[in-house]
Amino acid sequence: MFFLLRCIFWLGLTFTMIDWPDGPSPFPDPVALTNEAADTAGREIASRCAADPQACLEGARKVEALRNTVTR
């Protein structure tokens, strides 16, 4: 599963960065899209954690466990 996600990520990054024969890329600026997505995700996480801190801590534990299994 993670292999497929990594493939999609890198192929998407490659296709957004290549030069297109008819001028600029038909896709929006990937840096701006990434910044916008990070800001939106940060606001969403902050609002959910403020509403239910215990669920936020449990989610953080799950993410940390997942990160530890992926990096090994």
Protein backbone atom coordinates (compact mmCIF):
# COMPACT_ATOMS: atom_id res chain seq x y z
CA MET A 1 0.00 0.00 0.00
CA PHE A 2 2.75 2.44 0.94
CA PHE A 3 4.57 1.56 -2.29
CA LEU A 4 1.55 2.68 -4.30
CA LEU A 5 1.26 5.91 -2.34
CA ARG A 6 4.94 6.65 -2.88
CA CYS A 7 4.61 5.92 -6.61
CA ILE A 8 1.63 8.25 -6.93
CA PHE A 9 3.46 10.98 -5.03
CA TRP A 10 6.66 10.82 -7.10
CA LEU A 11 4.86 10.48 -10.44
CA GLY A 12 2.64 13.43 -9.56
CA LEU A 13 5.65 15.49 -8.58
CA THR A 14 7.46 14.53 -11.79
CA PHE A 15 4.53 15.40 -14.04
CA THR A 16 3.96 18.77 -12.40
CA MET A 17 7.62 19.77 -12.74
CA ILE A 18 8.34 18.79 -16.35
CA ASP A 19 8.39 21.38 -19.13
CA TRP A 20 5.35 21.24 -21.35
CA PRO A 21 5.69 21.85 -25.10
CA ASP A 22 2.86 24.41 -25.23
CA GLY A 23 4.21 26.65 -22.50
CA PRO A 24 3.76 26.54 -18.76
CA SER A 25 2.41 23.50 -16.98
CA PRO A 26 -1.37 23.10 -17.19
CA PHE A 27 -1.37 22.36 -13.46
CA PRO A 28 -1.42 25.00 -10.73
CA ASP A 29 1.75 25.87 -8.83
CA PRO A 30 2.57 22.80 -6.68
CA VAL A 31 4.27 24.88 -3.97
CA ALA A 32 1.20 27.08 -3.52
CA LEU A 33 -1.07 24.03 -3.45
CA THR A 34 1.14 22.36 -0.84
CA ASN A 35 1.17 25.45 1.36
CA GLU A 36 -2.59 25.81 1.09
CA ALA A 37 -3.15 22.13 1.94
CA ALA A 38 -0.80 22.34 4.94
CA ASP A 39 -2.54 25.47 6.25
CA THR A 40 -5.98 23.90 5.84
CA ALA A 41 -4.88 20.66 7.52
CA GLY A 42 -3.30 22.58 10.40
CA ARG A 43 -6.46 24.59 11.02
CA GLU A 44 -8.62 21.44 10.86
CA ILE A 45 -6.39 19.53 13.28
CA ALA A 46 -6.24 22.47 15.68
CA SER A 47 -10.02 22.82 15.75
CA ARG A 48 -10.53 19.08 16.31
CA CYS A 49 -7.91 18.97 19.06
CA ALA A 50 -9.48 21.95 20.81
CA ALA A 51 -12.87 20.21 20.72
CA ASP A 52 -11.64 16.80 21.96
CA PRO A 53 -8.08 16.73 23.34
CA GLN A 54 -8.22 13.05 24.35
CA ALA A 55 -9.07 11.94 20.81
CA CYS A 56 -6.27 14.17 19.52
CA LEU A 57 -3.73 12.46 21.77
CA GLU A 58 -4.96 9.03 20.70
CA GLY A 59 -4.63 10.05 17.04
CA ALA A 60 -1.10 11.33 17.68
CA ARG A 61 -0.17 7.99 19.25
CA LYS A 62 -1.48 6.13 16.19
CA VAL A 63 0.44 8.40 13.81
CA GLU A 64 3.63 7.96 15.82
CA ALA A 65 3.22 4.16 15.81
CA LEU A 66 2.64 4.23 12.05
CA ARG A 67 5.69 6.43 11.53
CA ASN A 68 7.82 4.07 13.59
CA THR A 69 6.74 1.05 11.53
CA VAL A 70 7.41 2.85 8.24
CA THR A 71 10.86 4.15 9.15
CA ARG A 72 12.17 0.78 10.35
